[in-house]
């Protein structure tokens, strides 16, 4: 990943972290675990950022969408201002609001204008959950205007710093995650690049578990990954409520490495996270007993 940036001068890397107030410097990721990048996603995103393209990352839950962004921000030494959108996220949550401080009313900028003014990454997680009134405020930030009219604060016009970058992320609509819905066409066409990621291949997932946990038994690790792959298939078929993620596997492996039994550990780290009915829990439990041997 470092080699990629060294091939040419980056337009957005900020090695001396200049121009950032202290609260933004604290949002520069540090100590982020390695991302096992079998799809060359990091280089693809770096290229897009250098071109000042808006990026949408689409992938199932737990595939490392946020992890990738934190790896890149750590490399570029840029803060990440993140909003996880829900149906309850309103305009003030992203633009800002007046607040009473020491008997005075003071305007507090939200994460979007802050990212635009100082030149940081704005990360819009679950962007397809954003309400229409919120989406309409994003449009001018994402097209060639690259600006935001803050009508709530003296009609202030904020023009984006040259380092400002916008990255969105969402789960695939077709996989049936609760509450997911398609992006509006007007918002979707403002993303110059849409990058799809999926769960890692078995060999990569094995390397992740070896890197992030102390469990070393190859057979046990391989069987655990097979369990996760079967649960992901169950999720696509609508038999369980959620897929098993690499994060679930890391938690499971950590308990086994501490001497807990694989089955008991699975119930705490996999079963209740992926199943919400007795039938689905029995389906997964029986499969795990059979797979783990």
C-alpha atoms as a PDB file:
ATOM      1  CA  UNK A   1       0.000   0.000   0.000  1.00  0.00           C
ATOM      2  CA  UNK A   2       2.863   2.421   0.820  1.00  0.00           C
ATOM      3  CA  UNK A   3       4.545   1.581  -2.459  1.00  0.00           C
ATOM      4  CA  UNK A   4       1.499   2.738  -4.395  1.00  0.00           C
ATOM      5  CA  UNK A   5       1.671   6.289  -3.010  1.00  0.00           C
ATOM      6  CA  UNK A   6       5.430   6.486  -3.517  1.00  0.00           C
ATOM      7  CA  UNK A   7       5.058   5.970  -7.258  1.00  0.00           C
ATOM      8  CA  UNK A   8       3.800   9.533  -7.667  1.00  0.00           C
ATOM      9  CA  UNK A   9       3.208  12.601  -5.577  1.00  0.00           C
ATOM     10  CA  UNK A  10      -0.127  12.416  -3.825  1.00  0.00           C
ATOM     11  CA  UNK A  11      -2.466  15.388  -4.076  1.00  0.00           C
ATOM     12  CA  UNK A  12      -4.184  14.605  -0.799  1.00  0.00           C
ATOM     13  CA  UNK A  13      -1.670  12.947   1.536  1.00  0.00           C
ATOM     14  CA  UNK A  14      -0.975  15.201   4.522  1.00  0.00           C
ATOM     15  CA  UNK A  15       2.185  13.877   6.210  1.00  0.00           C
ATOM     16  CA  UNK A  16       2.667  16.907   8.480  1.00  0.00           C
ATOM     17  CA  UNK A  17      -1.031  17.001   9.484  1.00  0.00           C
ATOM     18  CA  UNK A  18      -1.165  20.760   8.976  1.00  0.00           C
ATOM     19  CA  UNK A  19      -4.272  22.922   9.156  1.00  0.00           C
ATOM     20  CA  UNK A  20      -6.170  20.540  11.418  1.00  0.00           C
ATOM     21  CA  UNK A  21      -7.485  21.654  14.815  1.00  0.00           C
ATOM     22  CA  UNK A  22      -6.718  19.311  17.686  1.00  0.00           C
ATOM     23  CA  UNK A  23     -10.132  17.636  17.655  1.00  0.00           C
ATOM     24  CA  UNK A  24      -9.631  16.610  14.013  1.00  0.00           C
ATOM     25  CA  UNK A  25      -6.088  15.360  14.588  1.00  0.00           C
ATOM     26  CA  UNK A  26      -7.608  12.906  17.055  1.00  0.00           C
ATOM     27  CA  UNK A  27      -9.739  11.519  14.206  1.00  0.00           C
ATOM     28  CA  UNK A  28      -6.708  10.457  12.152  1.00  0.00           C
ATOM     29  CA  UNK A  29      -6.752   6.646  12.515  1.00  0.00           C
ATOM     30  CA  UNK A  30      -3.759   5.039  14.200  1.00  0.00           C
ATOM     31  CA  UNK A  31      -2.841   1.435  14.899  1.00  0.00           C
ATOM     32  CA  UNK A  32      -5.410   0.081  12.425  1.00  0.00           C
ATOM     33  CA  UNK A  33      -5.033  -3.691  11.942  1.00  0.00           C
ATOM     34  CA  UNK A  34      -3.853  -4.861   8.545  1.00  0.00           C
ATOM     35  CA  UNK A  35      -6.504  -5.263   5.857  1.00  0.00           C
ATOM     36  CA  UNK A  36      -5.980  -8.440   3.803  1.00  0.00           C
ATOM     37  CA  UNK A  37      -6.598  -6.942   0.388  1.00  0.00           C
ATOM     38  CA  UNK A  38      -7.129  -9.830  -1.997  1.00  0.00           C
ATOM     39  CA  UNK A  39      -9.220  -7.694  -4.353  1.00  0.00           C
ATOM     40  CA  UNK A  40      -6.724  -4.812  -4.685  1.00  0.00           C
ATOM     41  CA  UNK A  41      -9.432  -2.580  -3.248  1.00  0.00           C
ATOM     42  CA  UNK A  42      -7.032  -0.232  -1.459  1.00  0.00           C
ATOM     43  CA  UNK A  43      -5.180   0.694  -4.636  1.00  0.00           C
ATOM     44  CA  UNK A  44      -8.482   1.143  -6.484  1.00  0.00           C
ATOM     45  CA  UNK A  45      -9.743   3.519  -3.795  1.00  0.00           C
ATOM     46  CA  UNK A  46      -6.439   5.408  -3.669  1.00  0.00           C
ATOM     47  CA  UNK A  47      -6.605   5.946  -7.432  1.00  0.00           C
ATOM     48  CA  UNK A  48     -10.177   7.206  -7.138  1.00  0.00           C
ATOM     49  CA  UNK A  49      -9.277   9.578  -4.309  1.00  0.00           C
ATOM     50  CA  UNK A  50      -6.388  11.032  -6.316  1.00  0.00           C
ATOM     51  CA  UNK A  51      -8.864  11.775  -9.131  1.00  0.00           C
ATOM     52  CA  UNK A  52     -11.220  13.447  -6.636  1.00  0.00           C
ATOM     53  CA  UNK A  53     -13.906  10.909  -7.450  1.00  0.00           C
ATOM     54  CA  UNK A  54     -16.787  10.252  -5.098  1.00  0.00           C
ATOM     55  CA  UNK A  55     -16.649   6.583  -4.110  1.00  0.00           C
ATOM     56  CA  UNK A  56     -19.405   4.185  -3.096  1.00  0.00           C
ATOM     57  CA  UNK A  57     -18.336   0.906  -1.480  1.00  0.00           C
ATOM     58  CA  UNK A  58     -20.959  -1.837  -1.579  1.00  0.00           C
ATOM     59  CA  UNK A  59     -20.569  -5.094   0.315  1.00  0.00           C
ATOM     60  CA  UNK A  60     -22.197  -7.399   2.855  1.00  0.00           C
ATOM     61  CA  UNK A  61     -21.900  -6.591   6.537  1.00  0.00           C
ATOM     62  CA  UNK A  62     -18.516  -7.453   8.006  1.00  0.00           C
ATOM     63  CA  UNK A  63     -16.559  -7.373   4.748  1.00  0.00           C
ATOM     64  CA  UNK A  64     -14.347  -4.547   6.002  1.00  0.00           C
ATOM     65  CA  UNK A  65     -15.800  -1.481   4.290  1.00  0.00           C
ATOM     66  CA  UNK A  66     -14.995   0.773   7.243  1.00  0.00           C
ATOM     67  CA  UNK A  67     -11.734  -1.092   7.888  1.00  0.00           C
ATOM     68  CA  UNK A  68     -10.505  -0.236   4.371  1.00  0.00           C
ATOM     69  CA  UNK A  69     -11.290   3.455   4.833  1.00  0.00           C
ATOM     70  CA  UNK A  70      -9.474   3.574   8.164  1.00  0.00           C
ATOM     71  CA  UNK A  71      -6.415   1.894   6.607  1.00  0.00           C
ATOM     72  CA  UNK A  72      -6.347   4.464   3.811  1.00  0.00           C
ATOM     73  CA  UNK A  73      -6.904   7.428   6.133  1.00  0.00           C
ATOM     74  CA  UNK A  74      -4.072   6.212   8.364  1.00  0.00           C
ATOM     75  CA  UNK A  75      -1.773   6.039   5.343  1.00  0.00           C
ATOM     76  CA  UNK A  76      -2.762   9.500   4.072  1.00  0.00           C
ATOM     77  CA  UNK A  77      -2.797  10.975   7.593  1.00  0.00           C
ATOM     78  CA  UNK A  78      -6.272  12.381   7.065  1.00  0.00           C
ATOM     79  CA  UNK A  79      -9.055  12.559   9.661  1.00  0.00           C
ATOM     80  CA  UNK A  80     -12.234  10.602   9.003  1.00  0.00           C
ATOM     81  CA  UNK A  81     -15.511  12.339   9.829  1.00  0.00           C
ATOM     82  CA  UNK A  82     -18.104   9.583   9.839  1.00  0.00           C
ATOM     83  CA  UNK A  83     -21.885   9.587   9.892  1.00  0.00           C
ATOM     84  CA  UNK A  84     -23.760   6.284  10.148  1.00  0.00           C
ATOM     85  CA  UNK A  85     -27.064   7.127   8.517  1.00  0.00           C
ATOM     86  CA  UNK A  86     -30.398   5.917   9.835  1.00  0.00           C
ATOM     87  CA  UNK A  87     -33.956   7.013   9.172  1.00  0.00           C
ATOM     88  CA  UNK A  88     -33.561   9.189  12.252  1.00  0.00           C
ATOM     89  CA  UNK A  89     -30.562  11.125  10.911  1.00  0.00           C
ATOM     90  CA  UNK A  90     -31.710  14.654  10.117  1.00  0.00           C
ATOM     91  CA  UNK A  91     -30.094  17.645   8.420  1.00  0.00           C
ATOM     92  CA  UNK A  92     -28.777  19.109  11.684  1.00  0.00           C
ATOM     93  CA  UNK A  93     -26.836  15.893  12.342  1.00  0.00           C
ATOM     94  CA  UNK A  94     -24.693  16.485   9.269  1.00  0.00           C
ATOM     95  CA  UNK A  95     -24.814  20.276   8.714  1.00  0.00           C
ATOM     96  CA  UNK A  96     -24.797  21.601  12.273  1.00  0.00           C
ATOM     97  CA  UNK A  97     -26.974  23.402  14.783  1.00  0.00           C
ATOM     98  CA  UNK A  98     -27.093  26.259  17.258  1.00  0.00           C
ATOM     99  CA  UNK A  99     -26.287  25.238  20.832  1.00  0.00           C
ATOM    100  CA  UNK A 100     -26.457  27.143  24.091  1.00  0.00           C
ATOM    101  CA  UNK A 101     -22.997  27.548  25.646  1.00  0.00           C
ATOM    102  CA  UNK A 102     -22.344  29.730  28.695  1.00  0.00           C
ATOM    103  CA  UNK A 103     -25.644  31.547  28.211  1.00  0.00           C
ATOM    104  CA  UNK A 104     -24.779  32.259  24.563  1.00  0.00           C
ATOM    105  CA  UNK A 105     -26.141  30.715  21.420  1.00  0.00           C
ATOM    106  CA  UNK A 106     -23.269  29.376  19.339  1.00  0.00           C
ATOM    107  CA  UNK A 107     -23.274  27.749  15.896  1.00  0.00           C
ATOM    108  CA  UNK A 108     -21.630  24.302  15.889  1.00  0.00           C
ATOM    109  CA  UNK A 109     -20.605  22.994  12.480  1.00  0.00           C
ATOM    110  CA  UNK A 110     -21.617  19.423  11.686  1.00  0.00           C
ATOM    111  CA  UNK A 111     -19.300  16.768  10.253  1.00  0.00           C
ATOM    112  CA  UNK A 112     -19.996  17.552   6.582  1.00  0.00           C
ATOM    113  CA  UNK A 113     -19.072  21.268   6.579  1.00  0.00           C
ATOM    114  CA  UNK A 114     -16.158  20.508   8.911  1.00  0.00           C
ATOM    115  CA  UNK A 115     -14.806  17.935   6.446  1.00  0.00           C
ATOM    116  CA  UNK A 116     -15.254  20.379   3.573  1.00  0.00           C
ATOM    117  CA  UNK A 117     -13.592  23.325   5.346  1.00  0.00           C
ATOM    118  CA  UNK A 118     -10.535  21.454   6.618  1.00  0.00           C
ATOM    119  CA  UNK A 119     -10.089  18.902   3.830  1.00  0.00           C
ATOM    120  CA  UNK A 120     -10.772  15.534   5.442  1.00  0.00           C
ATOM    121  CA  UNK A 121     -12.493  12.321   4.396  1.00  0.00           C
ATOM    122  CA  UNK A 122     -16.253  12.381   4.945  1.00  0.00           C
ATOM    123  CA  UNK A 123     -17.450   8.802   5.355  1.00  0.00           C
ATOM    124  CA  UNK A 124     -21.184   8.249   4.862  1.00  0.00           C
ATOM    125  CA  UNK A 125     -21.910   4.762   6.183  1.00  0.00           C
ATOM    126  CA  UNK A 126     -25.250   3.184   5.270  1.00  0.00           C
ATOM    127  CA  UNK A 127     -25.818   6.108   2.935  1.00  0.00           C
ATOM    128  CA  UNK A 128     -28.837   4.450   1.339  1.00  0.00           C
ATOM    129  CA  UNK A 129     -30.636   4.909   4.662  1.00  0.00           C
ATOM    130  CA  UNK A 130     -30.439   8.707   4.377  1.00  0.00           C
ATOM    131  CA  UNK A 131     -33.772  10.536   4.177  1.00  0.00           C
ATOM    132  CA  UNK A 132     -34.598  12.524   1.018  1.00  0.00           C
ATOM    133  CA  UNK A 133     -34.244  15.894   2.772  1.00  0.00           C
ATOM    134  CA  UNK A 134     -30.755  14.892   3.917  1.00  0.00           C
ATOM    135  CA  UNK A 135     -29.764  13.531   0.499  1.00  0.00           C
ATOM    136  CA  UNK A 136     -30.748  16.802  -1.161  1.00  0.00           C
ATOM    137  CA  UNK A 137     -28.165  18.605   0.988  1.00  0.00           C
ATOM    138  CA  UNK A 138     -25.471  16.194  -0.175  1.00  0.00           C
ATOM    139  CA  UNK A 139     -26.016  16.774  -3.895  1.00  0.00           C
ATOM    140  CA  UNK A 140     -24.108  20.072  -4.345  1.00  0.00           C
ATOM    141  CA  UNK A 141     -21.205  18.671  -2.290  1.00  0.00           C
ATOM    142  CA  UNK A 142     -20.870  15.766  -4.703  1.00  0.00           C
ATOM    143  CA  UNK A 143     -21.146  17.444  -8.102  1.00  0.00           C
ATOM    144  CA  UNK A 144     -18.918  20.020  -9.775  1.00  0.00           C
ATOM    145  CA  UNK A 145     -20.170  22.763  -7.427  1.00  0.00           C
ATOM    146  CA  UNK A 146     -18.341  21.070  -4.515  1.00  0.00           C
ATOM    147  CA  UNK A 147     -20.079  23.418  -2.108  1.00  0.00           C
ATOM    148  CA  UNK A 148     -22.632  23.514   0.679  1.00  0.00           C
ATOM    149  CA  UNK A 149     -25.081  26.324   1.388  1.00  0.00           C
ATOM    150  CA  UNK A 150     -25.661  26.430   5.138  1.00  0.00           C
ATOM    151  CA  UNK A 151     -28.980  28.240   5.123  1.00  0.00           C
ATOM    152  CA  UNK A 152     -29.302  27.566   8.853  1.00  0.00           C
ATOM    153  CA  UNK A 153     -26.242  29.745   9.527  1.00  0.00           C
ATOM    154  CA  UNK A 154     -26.463  33.126   7.817  1.00  0.00           C
ATOM    155  CA  UNK A 155     -26.728  31.606   4.321  1.00  0.00           C
ATOM    156  CA  UNK A 156     -23.048  30.686   4.579  1.00  0.00           C
ATOM    157  CA  UNK A 157     -21.572  29.144   1.423  1.00  0.00           C
ATOM    158  CA  UNK A 158     -18.856  26.593   2.168  1.00  0.00           C
ATOM    159  CA  UNK A 159     -16.591  25.615  -0.692  1.00  0.00           C
ATOM    160  CA  UNK A 160     -14.698  22.368  -0.370  1.00  0.00           C
ATOM    161  CA  UNK A 161     -10.989  22.307   0.482  1.00  0.00           C
ATOM    162  CA  UNK A 162      -8.916  20.639  -2.260  1.00  0.00           C
ATOM    163  CA  UNK A 163      -8.324  17.604  -0.017  1.00  0.00           C
ATOM    164  CA  UNK A 164     -12.002  17.006   0.813  1.00  0.00           C
ATOM    165  CA  UNK A 165     -13.093  13.524  -0.259  1.00  0.00           C
ATOM    166  CA  UNK A 166     -16.494  11.821   0.002  1.00  0.00           C
ATOM    167  CA  UNK A 167     -16.840   8.065   0.481  1.00  0.00           C
ATOM    168  CA  UNK A 168     -20.164   6.279   0.943  1.00  0.00           C
ATOM    169  CA  UNK A 169     -20.844   2.685   1.951  1.00  0.00           C
ATOM    170  CA  UNK A 170     -23.868   0.428   1.994  1.00  0.00           C
ATOM    171  CA  UNK A 171     -24.965  -3.191   2.184  1.00  0.00           C
ATOM    172  CA  UNK A 172     -26.283  -4.776  -1.030  1.00  0.00           C
ATOM    173  CA  UNK A 173     -30.028  -4.220  -1.310  1.00  0.00           C
ATOM    174  CA  UNK A 174     -30.579  -7.618  -2.907  1.00  0.00           C
ATOM    175  CA  UNK A 175     -29.337  -9.482   0.196  1.00  0.00           C
ATOM    176  CA  UNK A 176     -32.322  -8.278   2.194  1.00  0.00           C
ATOM    177  CA  UNK A 177     -30.674  -6.521   5.131  1.00  0.00           C
ATOM    178  CA  UNK A 178     -33.276  -4.922   7.393  1.00  0.00           C
ATOM    179  CA  UNK A 179     -34.106  -1.393   6.309  1.00  0.00           C
ATOM    180  CA  UNK A 180     -31.901  -1.343   3.213  1.00  0.00           C
ATOM    181  CA  UNK A 181     -33.241   0.346   0.107  1.00  0.00           C
ATOM    182  CA  UNK A 182     -31.808   1.405  -3.254  1.00  0.00           C
ATOM    183  CA  UNK A 183     -30.011   4.705  -3.686  1.00  0.00           C
ATOM    184  CA  UNK A 184     -31.967   7.389  -5.472  1.00  0.00           C
ATOM    185  CA  UNK A 185     -30.832   7.706  -9.117  1.00  0.00           C
ATOM    186  CA  UNK A 186     -29.818  11.340  -8.519  1.00  0.00           C
ATOM    187  CA  UNK A 187     -27.488  10.337  -5.692  1.00  0.00           C
ATOM    188  CA  UNK A 188     -26.157   7.201  -7.383  1.00  0.00           C
ATOM    189  CA  UNK A 189     -25.025   9.041 -10.517  1.00  0.00           C
ATOM    190  CA  UNK A 190     -22.908  11.386  -8.380  1.00  0.00           C
ATOM    191  CA  UNK A 191     -20.595   8.494  -7.489  1.00  0.00           C
ATOM    192  CA  UNK A 192     -17.994   8.273 -10.230  1.00  0.00           C
ATOM    193  CA  UNK A 193     -16.802   4.921  -8.887  1.00  0.00           C
ATOM    194  CA  UNK A 194     -18.772   2.110  -7.250  1.00  0.00           C
ATOM    195  CA  UNK A 195     -16.639  -0.672  -5.776  1.00  0.00           C
ATOM    196  CA  UNK A 196     -18.150  -4.016  -4.799  1.00  0.00           C
ATOM    197  CA  UNK A 197     -16.438  -6.138  -2.165  1.00  0.00           C
ATOM    198  CA  UNK A 198     -17.317  -9.561  -0.793  1.00  0.00           C
ATOM    199  CA  UNK A 199     -16.219 -11.892   1.967  1.00  0.00           C
ATOM    200  CA  UNK A 200     -12.619 -13.078   1.603  1.00  0.00           C
ATOM    201  CA  UNK A 201     -11.683 -16.406   0.087  1.00  0.00           C
ATOM    202  CA  UNK A 202     -11.098 -19.286   2.492  1.00  0.00           C
ATOM    203  CA  UNK A 203      -7.304 -19.000   2.361  1.00  0.00           C
ATOM    204  CA  UNK A 204      -7.428 -15.257   3.064  1.00  0.00           C
ATOM    205  CA  UNK A 205      -9.880 -15.720   5.914  1.00  0.00           C
ATOM    206  CA  UNK A 206      -7.523 -18.328   7.388  1.00  0.00           C
ATOM    207  CA  UNK A 207      -4.657 -15.807   7.246  1.00  0.00           C
ATOM    208  CA  UNK A 208      -6.852 -13.189   8.949  1.00  0.00           C
ATOM    209  CA  UNK A 209      -7.593 -15.546  11.851  1.00  0.00           C
ATOM    210  CA  UNK A 210      -3.930 -16.491  12.218  1.00  0.00           C
ATOM    211  CA  UNK A 211      -2.945 -12.811  12.180  1.00  0.00           C
ATOM    212  CA  UNK A 212      -5.624 -11.567  14.599  1.00  0.00           C
ATOM    213  CA  UNK A 213      -5.891 -14.479  17.073  1.00  0.00           C
ATOM    214  CA  UNK A 214      -3.690 -16.943  18.970  1.00  0.00           C
ATOM    215  CA  UNK A 215      -5.505 -20.022  17.685  1.00  0.00           C
ATOM    216  CA  UNK A 216      -3.152 -22.086  15.515  1.00  0.00           C
ATOM    217  CA  UNK A 217      -4.888 -25.437  15.002  1.00  0.00           C
ATOM    218  CA  UNK A 218      -5.312 -25.578  11.207  1.00  0.00           C
ATOM    219  CA  UNK A 219      -8.143 -28.103  11.243  1.00  0.00           C
ATOM    220  CA  UNK A 220     -10.164 -26.157  13.800  1.00  0.00           C
ATOM    221  CA  UNK A 221      -9.644 -22.878  11.934  1.00  0.00           C
ATOM    222  CA  UNK A 222     -10.578 -24.470   8.616  1.00  0.00           C
ATOM    223  CA  UNK A 223     -13.763 -25.969  10.081  1.00  0.00           C
ATOM    224  CA  UNK A 224     -14.711 -22.627  11.641  1.00  0.00           C
ATOM    225  CA  UNK A 225     -14.388 -20.899   8.290  1.00  0.00           C
ATOM    226  CA  UNK A 226     -16.543 -23.602   6.712  1.00  0.00           C
ATOM    227  CA  UNK A 227     -19.196 -22.902   9.375  1.00  0.00           C
ATOM    228  CA  UNK A 228     -19.133 -19.206   8.489  1.00  0.00           C
ATOM    229  CA  UNK A 229     -19.421 -19.902   4.768  1.00  0.00           C
ATOM    230  CA  UNK A 230     -22.449 -22.148   5.345  1.00  0.00           C
ATOM    231  CA  UNK A 231     -24.139 -19.504   7.530  1.00  0.00           C
ATOM    232  CA  UNK A 232     -23.551 -16.919   4.782  1.00  0.00           C
ATOM    233  CA  UNK A 233     -25.260 -19.260   2.367  1.00  0.00           C
ATOM    234  CA  UNK A 234     -28.151 -19.715   4.808  1.00  0.00           C
ATOM    235  CA  UNK A 235     -28.486 -15.922   4.974  1.00  0.00           C
ATOM    236  CA  UNK A 236     -28.750 -15.632   1.187  1.00  0.00           C
ATOM    237  CA  UNK A 237     -31.463 -18.287   1.312  1.00  0.00           C
ATOM    238  CA  UNK A 238     -33.331 -16.403   4.060  1.00  0.00           C
ATOM    239  CA  UNK A 239     -32.814 -19.112   6.690  1.00  0.00           C
ATOM    240  CA  UNK A 240     -30.934 -16.935   9.213  1.00  0.00           C
ATOM    241  CA  UNK A 241     -31.192 -13.238  10.029  1.00  0.00           C
ATOM    242  CA  UNK A 242     -27.524 -12.270   9.560  1.00  0.00           C
ATOM    243  CA  UNK A 243     -24.378 -13.673   7.955  1.00  0.00           C
ATOM    244  CA  UNK A 244     -21.320 -14.735   9.964  1.00  0.00           C
ATOM    245  CA  UNK A 245     -18.581 -12.132   9.565  1.00  0.00           C
ATOM    246  CA  UNK A 246     -14.795 -12.348   9.901  1.00  0.00           C
ATOM    247  CA  UNK A 247     -15.243 -10.358  13.104  1.00  0.00           C
ATOM    248  CA  UNK A 248     -17.516 -13.106  14.478  1.00  0.00           C
ATOM    249  CA  UNK A 249     -14.861 -15.674  13.594  1.00  0.00           C
ATOM    250  CA  UNK A 250     -12.129 -13.657  15.335  1.00  0.00           C
ATOM    251  CA  UNK A 251     -14.222 -13.496  18.512  1.00  0.00           C
ATOM    252  CA  UNK A 252     -14.966 -17.243  18.294  1.00  0.00           C
ATOM    253  CA  UNK A 253     -11.291 -18.123  17.753  1.00  0.00           C
ATOM    254  CA  UNK A 254     -10.227 -15.932  20.680  1.00  0.00           C
ATOM    255  CA  UNK A 255     -12.493 -17.864  23.074  1.00  0.00           C
ATOM    256  CA  UNK A 256     -11.263 -21.229  21.791  1.00  0.00           C
ATOM    257  CA  UNK A 257      -7.641 -20.083  22.163  1.00  0.00           C
ATOM    258  CA  UNK A 258      -8.375 -19.362  25.843  1.00  0.00           C
ATOM    259  CA  UNK A 259      -9.387 -23.002  26.361  1.00  0.00           C
ATOM    260  CA  UNK A 260     -13.161 -22.804  25.847  1.00  0.00           C
ATOM    261  CA  UNK A 261     -14.912 -25.515  23.859  1.00  0.00           C
ATOM    262  CA  UNK A 262     -15.654 -24.703  20.201  1.00  0.00           C
ATOM    263  CA  UNK A 263     -19.389 -25.379  20.600  1.00  0.00           C
ATOM    264  CA  UNK A 264     -19.887 -23.283  23.754  1.00  0.00           C
ATOM    265  CA  UNK A 265     -17.809 -20.466  22.229  1.00  0.00           C
ATOM    266  CA  UNK A 266     -19.837 -20.601  19.029  1.00  0.00           C
ATOM    267  CA  UNK A 267     -23.085 -20.016  20.914  1.00  0.00           C
ATOM    268  CA  UNK A 268     -21.721 -16.764  22.393  1.00  0.00           C
ATOM    269  CA  UNK A 269     -20.021 -15.399  19.276  1.00  0.00           C
ATOM    270  CA  UNK A 270     -21.882 -16.823  16.269  1.00  0.00           C
ATOM    271  CA  UNK A 271     -25.248 -18.370  17.051  1.00  0.00           C
ATOM    272  CA  UNK A 272     -27.098 -15.494  18.697  1.00  0.00           C
ATOM    273  CA  UNK A 273     -25.531 -12.926  16.346  1.00  0.00           C
ATOM    274  CA  UNK A 274     -26.825 -14.698  13.233  1.00  0.00           C
ATOM    275  CA  UNK A 275     -30.092 -16.328  14.343  1.00  0.00           C
ATOM    276  CA  UNK A 276     -33.274 -14.819  15.733  1.00  0.00           C
ATOM    277  CA  UNK A 277     -35.575 -17.847  15.878  1.00  0.00           C
ATOM    278  CA  UNK A 278     -35.534 -21.310  17.444  1.00  0.00           C
ATOM    279  CA  UNK A 279     -35.653 -22.960  14.022  1.00  0.00           C
ATOM    280  CA  UNK A 280     -32.639 -21.045  12.724  1.00  0.00           C
ATOM    281  CA  UNK A 281     -30.682 -21.641  15.929  1.00  0.00           C
ATOM    282  CA  UNK A 282     -31.325 -25.393  15.677  1.00  0.00           C
ATOM    283  CA  UNK A 283     -30.321 -25.378  12.003  1.00  0.00           C
ATOM    284  CA  UNK A 284     -27.026 -23.645  12.755  1.00  0.00           C
ATOM    285  CA  UNK A 285     -26.297 -25.611  15.937  1.00  0.00           C
ATOM    286  CA  UNK A 286     -26.761 -28.959  14.181  1.00  0.00           C
ATOM    287  CA  UNK A 287     -24.598 -27.816  11.269  1.00  0.00           C
ATOM    288  CA  UNK A 288     -21.813 -26.640  13.603  1.00  0.00           C
ATOM    289  CA  UNK A 289     -21.735 -29.948  15.507  1.00  0.00           C
ATOM    290  CA  UNK A 290     -21.518 -31.833  12.220  1.00  0.00           C
ATOM    291  CA  UNK A 291     -18.883 -29.506  10.698  1.00  0.00           C
ATOM    292  CA  UNK A 292     -16.625 -29.195  13.745  1.00  0.00           C
ATOM    293  CA  UNK A 293     -16.581 -32.971  14.182  1.00  0.00           C
END
